[in-house]
Amino acid sequence: MKAIIMAAGRATRLLPLTKEIPQCLLKIGKKTILEIQIDNLRKVGIDDIIVITGYFSEKVESLCKKIKTKTLFNPFYDISGTALTLWVAREELKEGFVFLYSDILFDESIVKGLLASWMVFF
């Protein structure tokens, strides 16, 4: 199982917080939202994680490099929506995956429940 995290958008509703930093790099305590997400995914055994970047991609890619997480860049992030951003990862979508937006906080138990439900169908 893999996870695809959408982290390309400008998050204009969070201005001025996102003027110089993408929303996924906003800190909650000592960690960024993205770090919390990736930690929770790894706790349940999802290590194949792809983050799709766009806005301030270099900042997101820098963090992802430190935490050994793959990134893909959406060059059309400023004008595209979710569908085109996901299209950037089309080669990664050939098997089951968990899809996440990069600004959602969740507990690892949510992912465990999701995976348990998914296993019932497959």
PDB file of N, CA and C in Angstrom:
ATOM      1  N   MET A   1       0.853  -1.183   0.000  1.00  0.00           N
ATOM      2  CA  MET A   1       0.000   0.000   0.000  1.00  0.00           C
ATOM      3  C   MET A   1       0.891   1.236   0.000  1.00  0.00           C
ATOM      4  N   LYS A   2       0.450   2.235  -0.729  1.00  0.00           N
ATOM      5  CA  LYS A   2       1.182   3.496  -0.762  1.00  0.00           C
ATOM      6  C   LYS A   2       0.251   4.641  -0.420  1.00  0.00           C
ATOM      7  N   ALA A   3       0.836   5.800  -0.191  1.00  0.00           N
ATOM      8  CA  ALA A   3       0.065   7.012   0.088  1.00  0.00           C
ATOM      9  C   ALA A   3       0.501   8.104  -0.887  1.00  0.00           C
ATOM     10  N   ILE A   4      -0.484   8.832  -1.377  1.00  0.00           N
ATOM     11  CA  ILE A   4      -0.255   9.994  -2.226  1.00  0.00           C
ATOM     12  C   ILE A   4      -0.757  11.200  -1.438  1.00  0.00           C
ATOM     13  N   ILE A   5       0.123  12.154  -1.217  1.00  0.00           N
ATOM     14  CA  ILE A   5      -0.242  13.364  -0.464  1.00  0.00           C
ATOM     15  C   ILE A   5      -0.169  14.566  -1.401  1.00  0.00           C
ATOM     16  N   MET A   6      -1.289  15.260  -1.544  1.00  0.00           N
ATOM     17  CA  MET A   6      -1.371  16.448  -2.390  1.00  0.00           C
ATOM     18  C   MET A   6      -0.897  17.657  -1.599  1.00  0.00           C
ATOM     19  N   ALA A   7       0.221  18.241  -2.027  1.00  0.00           N
ATOM     20  CA  ALA A   7       0.789  19.402  -1.333  1.00  0.00           C
ATOM     21  C   ALA A   7       1.185  20.485  -2.337  1.00  0.00           C
ATOM     22  N   ALA A   8       0.355  20.696  -3.335  1.00  0.00           N
ATOM     23  CA  ALA A   8       0.719  21.615  -4.413  1.00  0.00           C
ATOM     24  C   ALA A   8       0.058  22.985  -4.310  1.00  0.00           C
ATOM     25  N   GLY A   9      -1.065  23.088  -3.621  1.00  0.00           N
ATOM     26  CA  GLY A   9      -1.864  24.312  -3.635  1.00  0.00           C
ATOM     27  C   GLY A   9      -1.280  25.492  -2.874  1.00  0.00           C
ATOM     28  N   ARG A  10      -1.839  26.675  -3.152  1.00  0.00           N
ATOM     29  CA  ARG A  10      -1.379  27.923  -2.552  1.00  0.00           C
ATOM     30  C   ARG A  10      -2.002  28.197  -1.184  1.00  0.00           C
ATOM     31  N   ALA A  11      -3.096  27.573  -0.856  1.00  0.00           N
ATOM     32  CA  ALA A  11      -3.769  27.749   0.442  1.00  0.00           C
ATOM     33  C   ALA A  11      -4.048  29.215   0.742  1.00  0.00           C
ATOM     34  N   THR A  12      -4.682  29.885  -0.173  1.00  0.00           N
ATOM     35  CA  THR A  12      -4.944  31.318  -0.011  1.00  0.00           C
ATOM     36  C   THR A  12      -5.893  31.624   1.150  1.00  0.00           C
ATOM     37  N   ARG A  13      -6.715  30.661   1.542  1.00  0.00           N
ATOM     38  CA  ARG A  13      -7.616  30.898   2.677  1.00  0.00           C
ATOM     39  C   ARG A  13      -6.863  31.012   3.992  1.00  0.00           C
ATOM     40  N   LEU A  14      -5.614  30.547   4.000  1.00  0.00           N
ATOM     41  CA  LEU A  14      -4.811  30.605   5.219  1.00  0.00           C
ATOM     42  C   LEU A  14      -3.860  31.805   5.245  1.00  0.00           C
ATOM     43  N   LEU A  15      -3.990  32.688   4.275  1.00  0.00           N
ATOM     44  CA  LEU A  15      -3.161  33.895   4.302  1.00  0.00           C
ATOM     45  C   LEU A  15      -3.455  34.692   5.571  1.00  0.00           C
ATOM     46  N   PRO A  16      -2.507  35.297   6.201  1.00  0.00           N
ATOM     47  CA  PRO A  16      -1.127  35.499   5.791  1.00  0.00           C
ATOM     48  C   PRO A  16      -0.185  34.358   6.211  1.00  0.00           C
ATOM     49  N   LEU A  17      -0.693  33.327   6.856  1.00  0.00           N
ATOM     50  CA  LEU A  17       0.158  32.224   7.316  1.00  0.00           C
ATOM     51  C   LEU A  17       0.906  31.542   6.177  1.00  0.00           C
ATOM     52  N   THR A  18       0.285  31.513   4.998  1.00  0.00           N
ATOM     53  CA  THR A  18       0.874  30.794   3.865  1.00  0.00           C
ATOM     54  C   THR A  18       1.506  31.716   2.817  1.00  0.00           C
ATOM     55  N   LYS A  19       1.818  32.918   3.215  1.00  0.00           N
ATOM     56  CA  LYS A  19       2.436  33.852   2.271  1.00  0.00           C
ATOM     57  C   LYS A  19       3.855  33.416   1.894  1.00  0.00           C
ATOM     58  N   GLU A  20       4.582  32.855   2.821  1.00  0.00           N
ATOM     59  CA  GLU A  20       5.974  32.476   2.597  1.00  0.00           C
ATOM     60  C   GLU A  20       6.239  30.984   2.771  1.00  0.00           C
ATOM     61  N   ILE A  21       5.181  30.219   3.035  1.00  0.00           N
ATOM     62  CA  ILE A  21       5.363  28.794   3.330  1.00  0.00           C
ATOM     63  C   ILE A  21       4.093  28.043   2.917  1.00  0.00           C
ATOM     64  N   PRO A  22       4.226  26.853   2.368  1.00  0.00           N
ATOM     65  CA  PRO A  22       3.027  26.089   2.023  1.00  0.00           C
ATOM     66  C   PRO A  22       2.334  25.567   3.287  1.00  0.00           C
ATOM     67  N   GLN A  23       1.050  25.328   3.176  1.00  0.00           N
ATOM     68  CA  GLN A  23       0.258  24.924   4.341  1.00  0.00           C
ATOM     69  C   GLN A  23       0.767  23.657   4.997  1.00  0.00           C
ATOM     70  N   CYS A  24       1.300  22.733   4.250  1.00  0.00           N
ATOM     71  CA  CYS A  24       1.773  21.476   4.831  1.00  0.00           C
ATOM     72  C   CYS A  24       2.997  21.663   5.722  1.00  0.00           C
ATOM     73  N   LEU A  25       3.658  22.808   5.617  1.00  0.00           N
ATOM     74  CA  LEU A  25       4.823  23.073   6.446  1.00  0.00           C
ATOM     75  C   LEU A  25       4.510  23.954   7.651  1.00  0.00           C
ATOM     76  N   LEU A  26       3.233  24.262   7.836  1.00  0.00           N
ATOM     77  CA  LEU A  26       2.841  24.956   9.063  1.00  0.00           C
ATOM     78  C   LEU A  26       3.055  24.008  10.229  1.00  0.00           C
ATOM     79  N   LYS A  27       3.532  24.540  11.333  1.00  0.00           N
ATOM     80  CA  LYS A  27       3.852  23.690  12.476  1.00  0.00           C
ATOM     81  C   LYS A  27       2.692  23.577  13.449  1.00  0.00           C
ATOM     82  N   ILE A  28       2.533  22.366  13.940  1.00  0.00           N
ATOM     83  CA  ILE A  28       1.621  22.055  15.027  1.00  0.00           C
ATOM     84  C   ILE A  28       2.538  21.529  16.131  1.00  0.00           C
ATOM     85  N   GLY A  29       2.805  22.345  17.120  1.00  0.00           N
ATOM     86  CA  GLY A  29       3.810  21.969  18.111  1.00  0.00           C
ATOM     87  C   GLY A  29       5.183  22.057  17.477  1.00  0.00           C
ATOM     88  N   LYS A  30       5.948  20.980  17.542  1.00  0.00           N
ATOM     89  CA  LYS A  30       7.322  20.980  17.030  1.00  0.00           C
ATOM     90  C   LYS A  30       7.447  20.394  15.628  1.00  0.00           C
ATOM     91  N   LYS A  31       6.357  19.858  15.081  1.00  0.00           N
ATOM     92  CA  LYS A  31       6.412  19.217  13.763  1.00  0.00           C
ATOM     93  C   LYS A  31       5.474  19.915  12.790  1.00  0.00           C
ATOM     94  N   THR A  32       5.809  19.765  11.512  1.00  0.00           N
ATOM     95  CA  THR A  32       4.923  20.291  10.473  1.00  0.00           C
ATOM     96  C   THR A  32       3.745  19.333  10.294  1.00  0.00           C
ATOM     97  N   ILE A  33       2.700  19.840   9.666  1.00  0.00           N
ATOM     98  CA  ILE A  33       1.541  18.993   9.378  1.00  0.00           C
ATOM     99  C   ILE A  33       1.979  17.798   8.531  1.00  0.00           C
ATOM    100  N   LEU A  34       2.834  18.048   7.542  1.00  0.00           N
ATOM    101  CA  LEU A  34       3.305  16.967   6.673  1.00  0.00           C
ATOM    102  C   LEU A  34       4.091  15.921   7.456  1.00  0.00           C
ATOM    103  N   GLU A  35       4.950  16.330   8.360  1.00  0.00           N
ATOM    104  CA  GLU A  35       5.701  15.375   9.172  1.00  0.00           C
ATOM    105  C   GLU A  35       4.765  14.524  10.031  1.00  0.00           C
ATOM    106  N   ILE A  36       3.753  15.149  10.580  1.00  0.00           N
ATOM    107  CA  ILE A  36       2.777  14.408  11.400  1.00  0.00           C
ATOM    108  C   ILE A  36       2.063  13.370  10.537  1.00  0.00           C
ATOM    109  N   GLN A  37       1.650  13.771   9.341  1.00  0.00           N
ATOM    110  CA  GLN A  37       0.983  12.834   8.432  1.00  0.00           C
ATOM    111  C   GLN A  37       1.885  11.651   8.101  1.00  0.00           C
ATOM    112  N   ILE A  38       3.102  11.942   7.715  1.00  0.00           N
ATOM    113  CA  ILE A  38       4.031  10.881   7.308  1.00  0.00           C
ATOM    114  C   ILE A  38       4.360   9.974   8.483  1.00  0.00           C
ATOM    115  N   ASP A  39       4.550  10.543   9.668  1.00  0.00           N
ATOM    116  CA  ASP A  39       4.785   9.726  10.863  1.00  0.00           C
ATOM    117  C   ASP A  39       3.625   8.760  11.095  1.00  0.00           C
ATOM    118  N   ASN A  40       2.398   9.265  10.988  1.00  0.00           N
ATOM    119  CA  ASN A  40       1.220   8.419  11.217  1.00  0.00           C
ATOM    120  C   ASN A  40       1.064   7.344  10.149  1.00  0.00           C
ATOM    121  N   LEU A  41       1.387   7.659   8.922  1.00  0.00           N
ATOM    122  CA  LEU A  41       1.338   6.651   7.856  1.00  0.00           C
ATOM    123  C   LEU A  41       2.369   5.552   8.107  1.00  0.00           C
ATOM    124  N   ARG A  42       3.549   5.955   8.478  1.00  0.00           N
ATOM    125  CA  ARG A  42       4.615   4.966   8.726  1.00  0.00           C
ATOM    126  C   ARG A  42       4.304   4.098   9.949  1.00  0.00           C
ATOM    127  N   LYS A  43       3.624   4.646  10.939  1.00  0.00           N
ATOM    128  CA  LYS A  43       3.265   3.863  12.124  1.00  0.00           C
ATOM    129  C   LYS A  43       2.364   2.685  11.777  1.00  0.00           C
ATOM    130  N   VAL A  44       1.596   2.819  10.701  1.00  0.00           N
ATOM    131  CA  VAL A  44       0.704   1.727  10.307  1.00  0.00           C
ATOM    132  C   VAL A  44       1.265   0.922   9.134  1.00  0.00           C
ATOM    133  N   GLY A  45       2.533   1.136   8.823  1.00  0.00           N
ATOM    134  CA  GLY A  45       3.189   0.315   7.810  1.00  0.00           C
ATOM    135  C   GLY A  45       3.174   0.854   6.398  1.00  0.00           C
ATOM    136  N   ILE A  46       2.730   2.076   6.198  1.00  0.00           N
ATOM    137  CA  ILE A  46       2.765   2.663   4.853  1.00  0.00           C
ATOM    138  C   ILE A  46       4.051   3.473   4.741  1.00  0.00           C
ATOM    139  N   ASP A  47       5.009   2.898   4.021  1.00  0.00           N
ATOM    140  CA  ASP A  47       6.310   3.548   3.857  1.00  0.00           C
ATOM    141  C   ASP A  47       6.515   4.107   2.453  1.00  0.00           C
ATOM    142  N   ASP A  48       5.713   3.647   1.511  1.00  0.00           N
ATOM    143  CA  ASP A  48       5.795   4.128   0.137  1.00  0.00           C
ATOM    144  C   ASP A  48       4.895   5.359   0.035  1.00  0.00           C
ATOM    145  N   ILE A  49       5.496   6.531   0.209  1.00  0.00           N
ATOM    146  CA  ILE A  49       4.743   7.782   0.293  1.00  0.00           C
ATOM    147  C   ILE A  49       5.255   8.737  -0.776  1.00  0.00           C
ATOM    148  N   ILE A  50       4.328   9.329  -1.524  1.00  0.00           N
ATOM    149  CA  ILE A  50       4.665  10.287  -2.567  1.00  0.00           C
ATOM    150  C   ILE A  50       3.957  11.590  -2.237  1.00  0.00           C
ATOM    151  N   VAL A  51       4.717  12.675  -2.190  1.00  0.00           N
ATOM    152  CA  VAL A  51       4.162  14.005  -1.946  1.00  0.00           C
ATOM    153  C   VAL A  51       4.218  14.766  -3.258  1.00  0.00           C
ATOM    154  N   ILE A  52       3.070  15.252  -3.720  1.00  0.00           N
ATOM    155  CA  ILE A  52       3.018  16.042  -4.955  1.00  0.00           C
ATOM    156  C   ILE A  52       3.114  17.509  -4.563  1.00  0.00           C
ATOM    157  N   THR A  53       4.160  18.162  -5.072  1.00  0.00           N
ATOM    158  CA  THR A  53       4.440  19.543  -4.700  1.00  0.00           C
ATOM    159  C   THR A  53       4.029  20.518  -5.790  1.00  0.00           C
ATOM    160  N   GLY A  54       4.052  21.782  -5.433  1.00  0.00           N
ATOM    161  CA  GLY A  54       3.742  22.865  -6.359  1.00  0.00           C
ATOM    162  C   GLY A  54       4.225  24.169  -5.751  1.00  0.00           C
ATOM    163  N   TYR A  55       3.337  24.823  -5.013  1.00  0.00           N
ATOM    164  CA  TYR A  55       3.634  26.090  -4.344  1.00  0.00           C
ATOM    165  C   TYR A  55       4.796  25.904  -3.368  1.00  0.00           C
ATOM    166  N   PHE A  56       5.828  26.733  -3.501  1.00  0.00           N
ATOM    167  CA  PHE A  56       7.046  26.622  -2.679  1.00  0.00           C
ATOM    168  C   PHE A  56       7.568  25.178  -2.658  1.00  0.00           C
ATOM    169  N   SER A  57       7.606  24.576  -3.828  1.00  0.00           N
ATOM    170  CA  SER A  57       8.015  23.168  -3.921  1.00  0.00           C
ATOM    171  C   SER A  57       9.388  22.913  -3.323  1.00  0.00           C
ATOM    172  N   GLU A  58      10.291  23.850  -3.485  1.00  0.00           N
ATOM    173  CA  GLU A  58      11.646  23.636  -2.966  1.00  0.00           C
ATOM    174  C   GLU A  58      11.656  23.459  -1.448  1.00  0.00           C
ATOM    175  N   LYS A  59      10.761  24.127  -0.750  1.00  0.00           N
ATOM    176  CA  LYS A  59      10.689  23.989   0.714  1.00  0.00           C
ATOM    177  C   LYS A  59      10.134  22.622   1.102  1.00  0.00           C
ATOM    178  N   VAL A  60       9.102  22.193   0.396  1.00  0.00           N
ATOM    179  CA  VAL A  60       8.508  20.877   0.679  1.00  0.00           C
ATOM    180  C   VAL A  60       9.504  19.782   0.301  1.00  0.00           C
ATOM    181  N   GLU A  61      10.139  19.911  -0.849  1.00  0.00           N
ATOM    182  CA  GLU A  61      11.110  18.911  -1.297  1.00  0.00           C
ATOM    183  C   GLU A  61      12.303  18.812  -0.348  1.00  0.00           C
ATOM    184  N   SER A  62      12.711  19.928   0.229  1.00  0.00           N
ATOM    185  CA  SER A  62      13.811  19.923   1.192  1.00  0.00           C
ATOM    186  C   SER A  62      13.450  19.100   2.425  1.00  0.00           C
ATOM    187  N   LEU A  63      12.249  19.315   2.952  1.00  0.00           N
ATOM    188  CA  LEU A  63      11.801  18.528   4.109  1.00  0.00           C
ATOM    189  C   LEU A  63      11.688  17.055   3.729  1.00  0.00           C
ATOM    190  N   CYS A  64      11.092  16.774   2.583  1.00  0.00           N
ATOM    191  CA  CYS A  64      10.895  15.384   2.163  1.00  0.00           C
ATOM    192  C   CYS A  64      12.231  14.662   1.976  1.00  0.00           C
ATOM    193  N   LYS A  65      13.215  15.359   1.490  1.00  0.00           N
ATOM    194  CA  LYS A  65      14.538  14.746   1.338  1.00  0.00           C
ATOM    195  C   LYS A  65      15.088  14.341   2.708  1.00  0.00           C
ATOM    196  N   LYS A  66      14.916  15.208   3.704  1.00  0.00           N
ATOM    197  CA  LYS A  66      15.400  14.918   5.061  1.00  0.00           C
ATOM    198  C   LYS A  66      14.723  13.695   5.661  1.00  0.00           C
ATOM    199  N   ILE A  67      13.437  13.534   5.362  1.00  0.00           N
ATOM    200  CA  ILE A  67      12.681  12.425   5.960  1.00  0.00           C
ATOM    201  C   ILE A  67      12.486  11.266   4.982  1.00  0.00           C
ATOM    202  N   LYS A  68      13.289  11.271   3.932  1.00  0.00           N
ATOM    203  CA  LYS A  68      13.331  10.172   2.957  1.00  0.00           C
ATOM    204  C   LYS A  68      11.951   9.842   2.370  1.00  0.00           C
ATOM    205  N   THR A  69      11.337  10.879   1.804  1.00  0.00           N
ATOM    206  CA  THR A  69      10.024  10.737   1.187  1.00  0.00           C
ATOM    207  C   THR A  69      10.093  11.254  -0.246  1.00  0.00           C
ATOM    208  N   LYS A  70       9.538  10.490  -1.176  1.00  0.00           N
ATOM    209  CA  LYS A  70       9.556  10.830  -2.598  1.00  0.00           C
ATOM    210  C   LYS A  70       8.638  12.012  -2.893  1.00  0.00           C
ATOM    211  N   THR A  71       9.066  12.852  -3.837  1.00  0.00           N
ATOM    212  CA  THR A  71       8.219  13.967  -4.280  1.00  0.00           C
ATOM    213  C   THR A  71       8.065  13.938  -5.795  1.00  0.00           C
ATOM    214  N   LEU A  72       6.960  14.494  -6.241  1.00  0.00           N
ATOM    215  CA  LEU A  72       6.708  14.760  -7.656  1.00  0.00           C
ATOM    216  C   LEU A  72       6.240  16.207  -7.748  1.00  0.00           C
ATOM    217  N   PHE A  73       6.648  16.911  -8.799  1.00  0.00           N
ATOM    218  CA  PHE A  73       6.307  18.327  -8.949  1.00  0.00           C
ATOM    219  C   PHE A  73       5.206  18.518  -9.983  1.00  0.00           C
ATOM    220  N   ASN A  74       4.194  19.302  -9.633  1.00  0.00           N
ATOM    221  CA  ASN A  74       3.144  19.677 -10.574  1.00  0.00           C
ATOM    222  C   ASN A  74       3.456  21.081 -11.081  1.00  0.00           C
ATOM    223  N   PRO A  75       3.972  21.200 -12.310  1.00  0.00           N
ATOM    224  CA  PRO A  75       4.334  22.519 -12.823  1.00  0.00           C
ATOM    225  C   PRO A  75       3.120  23.415 -13.092  1.00  0.00           C
ATOM    226  N   PHE A  76       1.938  22.839 -13.085  1.00  0.00           N
ATOM    227  CA  PHE A  76       0.715  23.595 -13.369  1.00  0.00           C
ATOM    228  C   PHE A  76      -0.086  23.895 -12.098  1.00  0.00           C
ATOM    229  N   TYR A  77       0.559  23.772 -10.933  1.00  0.00           N
ATOM    230  CA  TYR A  77      -0.153  23.885  -9.652  1.00  0.00           C
ATOM    231  C   TYR A  77      -0.945  25.178  -9.517  1.00  0.00           C
ATOM    232  N   ASP A  78      -0.457  26.259 -10.127  1.00  0.00           N
ATOM    233  CA  ASP A  78      -1.109  27.552  -9.939  1.00  0.00           C
ATOM    234  C   ASP A  78      -2.433  27.666 -10.691  1.00  0.00           C
ATOM    235  N   ILE A  79      -2.614  26.823 -11.700  1.00  0.00           N
ATOM    236  CA  ILE A  79      -3.847  26.896 -12.490  1.00  0.00           C
ATOM    237  C   ILE A  79      -4.631  25.593 -12.489  1.00  0.00           C
ATOM    238  N   SER A  80      -4.073  24.561 -11.889  1.00  0.00           N
ATOM    239  CA  SER A  80      -4.736  23.252 -11.954  1.00  0.00           C
ATOM    240  C   SER A  80      -5.488  22.945 -10.676  1.00  0.00           C
ATOM    241  N   GLY A  81      -6.332  21.975 -10.766  1.00  0.00           N
ATOM    242  CA  GLY A  81      -7.068  21.493  -9.614  1.00  0.00           C
ATOM    243  C   GLY A  81      -6.565  20.128  -9.191  1.00  0.00           C
ATOM    244  N   THR A  82      -7.373  19.454  -8.400  1.00  0.00           N
ATOM    245  CA  THR A  82      -7.001  18.159  -7.854  1.00  0.00           C
ATOM    246  C   THR A  82      -6.742  17.125  -8.941  1.00  0.00           C
ATOM    247  N   ALA A  83      -7.595  17.073  -9.948  1.00  0.00           N
ATOM    248  CA  ALA A  83      -7.461  16.035 -10.977  1.00  0.00           C
ATOM    249  C   ALA A  83      -6.123  16.126 -11.711  1.00  0.00           C
ATOM    250  N   LEU A  84      -5.729  17.316 -12.118  1.00  0.00           N
ATOM    251  CA  LEU A  84      -4.463  17.460 -12.837  1.00  0.00           C
ATOM    252  C   LEU A  84      -3.278  17.200 -11.906  1.00  0.00           C
ATOM    253  N   THR A  85      -3.399  17.619 -10.661  1.00  0.00           N
ATOM    254  CA  THR A  85      -2.316  17.361  -9.711  1.00  0.00           C
ATOM    255  C   THR A  85      -2.146  15.857  -9.511  1.00  0.00           C
ATOM    256  N   LEU A  86      -3.233  15.137  -9.394  1.00  0.00           N
ATOM    257  CA  LEU A  86      -3.158  13.688  -9.251  1.00  0.00           C
ATOM    258  C   LEU A  86      -2.617  13.030 -10.522  1.00  0.00           C
ATOM    259  N   TRP A  87      -2.913  13.617 -11.674  1.00  0.00           N
ATOM    260  CA  TRP A  87      -2.408  13.100 -12.945  1.00  0.00           C
ATOM    261  C   TRP A  87      -0.877  13.055 -12.957  1.00  0.00           C
ATOM    262  N   VAL A  88      -0.233  13.990 -12.270  1.00  0.00           N
ATOM    263  CA  VAL A  88       1.230  14.015 -12.173  1.00  0.00           C
ATOM    264  C   VAL A  88       1.744  12.690 -11.604  1.00  0.00           C
ATOM    265  N   ALA A  89       0.946  12.061 -10.751  1.00  0.00           N
ATOM    266  CA  ALA A  89       1.345  10.799 -10.106  1.00  0.00           C
ATOM    267  C   ALA A  89       0.714   9.584 -10.767  1.00  0.00           C
ATOM    268  N   ARG A  90       0.261   9.705 -11.983  1.00  0.00           N
ATOM    269  CA  ARG A  90      -0.500   8.631 -12.640  1.00  0.00           C
ATOM    270  C   ARG A  90       0.242   7.290 -12.656  1.00  0.00           C
ATOM    271  N   GLU A  91       1.554   7.313 -12.751  1.00  0.00           N
ATOM    272  CA  GLU A  91       2.315   6.059 -12.756  1.00  0.00           C
ATOM    273  C   GLU A  91       2.309   5.381 -11.380  1.00  0.00           C
ATOM    274  N   GLU A  92       2.001   6.122 -10.352  1.00  0.00           N
ATOM    275  CA  GLU A  92       1.978   5.589  -8.986  1.00  0.00           C
ATOM    276  C   GLU A  92       0.608   5.016  -8.601  1.00  0.00           C
ATOM    277  N   LEU A  93      -0.364   5.134  -9.492  1.00  0.00           N
ATOM    278  CA  LEU A  93      -1.750   4.795  -9.164  1.00  0.00           C
ATOM    279  C   LEU A  93      -2.190   3.432  -9.682  1.00  0.00           C
ATOM    280  N   LYS A  94      -1.257   2.575  -9.990  1.00  0.00           N
ATOM    281  CA  LYS A  94      -1.596   1.287 -10.594  1.00  0.00           C
ATOM    282  C   LYS A  94      -2.025   0.246  -9.571  1.00  0.00           C
ATOM    283  N   GLU A  95      -1.797   0.522  -8.296  1.00  0.00           N
ATOM    284  CA  GLU A  95      -2.214  -0.374  -7.212  1.00  0.00           C
ATOM    285  C   GLU A  95      -2.947   0.464  -6.173  1.00  0.00           C
ATOM    286  N   GLY A  96      -3.426  -0.188  -5.129  1.00  0.00           N
ATOM    287  CA  GLY A  96      -4.144   0.532  -4.090  1.00  0.00           C
ATOM    288  C   GLY A  96      -3.300   1.609  -3.436  1.00  0.00           C
ATOM    289  N   PHE A  97      -3.959   2.695  -3.055  1.00  0.00           N
ATOM    290  CA  PHE A  97      -3.260   3.790  -2.392  1.00  0.00           C
ATOM    291  C   PHE A  97      -4.215   4.557  -1.497  1.00  0.00           C
ATOM    292  N   VAL A  98      -3.635   5.231  -0.528  1.00  0.00           N
ATOM    293  CA  VAL A  98      -4.362   6.147   0.345  1.00  0.00           C
ATOM    294  C   VAL A  98      -4.104   7.542  -0.203  1.00  0.00           C
ATOM    295  N   PHE A  99      -5.159   8.313  -0.365  1.00  0.00           N
ATOM    296  CA  PHE A  99      -5.077   9.662  -0.918  1.00  0.00           C
ATOM    297  C   PHE A  99      -5.298  10.675   0.203  1.00  0.00           C
ATOM    298  N   LEU A 100      -4.390  11.632   0.325  1.00  0.00           N
ATOM    299  CA  LEU A 100      -4.494  12.636   1.393  1.00  0.00           C
ATOM    300  C   LEU A 100      -4.249  14.041   0.870  1.00  0.00           C
ATOM    301  N   TYR A 101      -4.933  14.993   1.459  1.00  0.00           N
ATOM    302  CA  TYR A 101      -4.580  16.394   1.279  1.00  0.00           C
ATOM    303  C   TYR A 101      -3.574  16.735   2.373  1.00  0.00           C
ATOM    304  N   SER A 102      -2.631  17.601   2.066  1.00  0.00           N
ATOM    305  CA  SER A 102      -1.512  17.849   2.975  1.00  0.00           C
ATOM    306  C   SER A 102      -1.847  18.726   4.179  1.00  0.00           C
ATOM    307  N   ASP A 103      -3.076  19.153   4.304  1.00  0.00           N
ATOM    308  CA  ASP A 103      -3.428  20.020   5.429  1.00  0.00           C
ATOM    309  C   ASP A 103      -4.383  19.347   6.417  1.00  0.00           C
ATOM    310  N   ILE A 104      -4.517  18.041   6.333  1.00  0.00           N
ATOM    311  CA  ILE A 104      -5.437  17.300   7.190  1.00  0.00           C
ATOM    312  C   ILE A 104      -4.669  16.637   8.329  1.00  0.00           C
ATOM    313  N   LEU A 105      -5.066  16.931   9.549  1.00  0.00           N
ATOM    314  CA  LEU A 105      -4.484  16.258  10.708  1.00  0.00           C
ATOM    315  C   LEU A 105      -5.342  15.058  11.060  1.00  0.00           C
ATOM    316  N   PHE A 106      -4.709  13.946  11.373  1.00  0.00           N
ATOM    317  CA  PHE A 106      -5.431  12.730  11.712  1.00  0.00           C
ATOM    318  C   PHE A 106      -4.570  11.885  12.632  1.00  0.00           C
ATOM    319  N   ASP A 107      -5.219  11.006  13.345  1.00  0.00           N
ATOM    320  CA  ASP A 107      -4.539  10.065  14.216  1.00  0.00           C
ATOM    321  C   ASP A 107      -4.287   8.777  13.431  1.00  0.00           C
ATOM    322  N   GLU A 108      -3.246   8.060  13.787  1.00  0.00           N
ATOM    323  CA  GLU A 108      -2.934   6.818  13.082  1.00  0.00           C
ATOM    324  C   GLU A 108      -4.090   5.823  13.112  1.00  0.00           C
ATOM    325  N   SER A 109      -4.940   5.879  14.143  1.00  0.00           N
ATOM    326  CA  SER A 109      -6.077   4.951  14.234  1.00  0.00           C
ATOM    327  C   SER A 109      -7.052   5.138  13.067  1.00  0.00           C
ATOM    328  N   ILE A 110      -7.122   6.334  12.529  1.00  0.00           N
ATOM    329  CA  ILE A 110      -7.991   6.592  11.367  1.00  0.00           C
ATOM    330  C   ILE A 110      -7.490   5.786  10.168  1.00  0.00           C
ATOM    331  N   VAL A 111      -6.195   5.786   9.961  1.00  0.00           N
ATOM    332  CA  VAL A 111      -5.623   5.044   8.837  1.00  0.00           C
ATOM    333  C   VAL A 111      -5.766   3.544   9.068  1.00  0.00           C
ATOM    334  N   LYS A 112      -5.575   3.099  10.293  1.00  0.00           N
ATOM    335  CA  LYS A 112      -5.770   1.675  10.600  1.00  0.00           C
ATOM    336  C   LYS A 112      -7.190   1.244  10.256  1.00  0.00           C
ATOM    337  N   GLY A 113      -8.170   2.039  10.643  1.00  0.00           N
ATOM    338  CA  GLY A 113      -9.567   1.725  10.336  1.00  0.00           C
ATOM    339  C   GLY A 113      -9.839   1.727   8.854  1.00  0.00           C
ATOM    340  N   LEU A 114      -9.269   2.692   8.150  1.00  0.00           N
ATOM    341  CA  LEU A 114      -9.426   2.768   6.697  1.00  0.00           C
ATOM    342  C   LEU A 114      -8.848   1.531   6.030  1.00  0.00           C
ATOM    343  N   LEU A 115      -7.651   1.139   6.454  1.00  0.00           N
ATOM    344  CA  LEU A 115      -7.015  -0.042   5.860  1.00  0.00           C
ATOM    345  C   LEU A 115      -7.790  -1.311   6.182  1.00  0.00           C
ATOM    346  N   ALA A 116      -8.315  -1.410   7.394  1.00  0.00           N
ATOM    347  CA  ALA A 116      -9.110  -2.580   7.767  1.00  0.00           C
ATOM    348  C   ALA A 116     -10.373  -2.655   6.910  1.00  0.00           C
ATOM    349  N   SER A 117     -11.019  -1.531   6.673  1.00  0.00           N
ATOM    350  CA  SER A 117     -12.221  -1.499   5.829  1.00  0.00           C
ATOM    351  C   SER A 117     -11.888  -1.862   4.392  1.00  0.00           C
ATOM    352  N   TRP A 118     -10.772  -1.373   3.904  1.00  0.00           N
ATOM    353  CA  TRP A 118     -10.351  -1.646   2.539  1.00  0.00           C
ATOM    354  C   TRP A 118     -10.101  -3.134   2.339  1.00  0.00           C
ATOM    355  N   MET A 119      -9.505  -3.777   3.341  1.00  0.00           N
ATOM    356  CA  MET A 119      -9.184  -5.201   3.249  1.00  0.00           C
ATOM    357  C   MET A 119     -10.456  -6.062   3.140  1.00  0.00           C
ATOM    358  N   VAL A 120     -11.562  -5.601   3.673  1.00  0.00           N
ATOM    359  CA  VAL A 120     -12.824  -6.326   3.586  1.00  0.00           C
ATOM    360  C   VAL A 120     -13.270  -6.465   2.128  1.00  0.00           C
ATOM    361  N   PHE A 121     -13.008  -5.435   1.339  1.00  0.00           N
ATOM    362  CA  PHE A 121     -13.440  -5.437  -0.059  1.00  0.00           C
ATOM    363  C   PHE A 121     -12.468  -6.133  -0.995  1.00  0.00           C
ATOM    364  N   PHE A 122     -11.235  -6.258  -0.577  1.00  0.00           N
ATOM    365  CA  PHE A 122     -10.222  -6.839  -1.472  1.00  0.00           C
ATOM    366  C   PHE A 122      -9.618  -8.003  -0.786  1.00  0.00           C
TER     367      PHE A 122
END
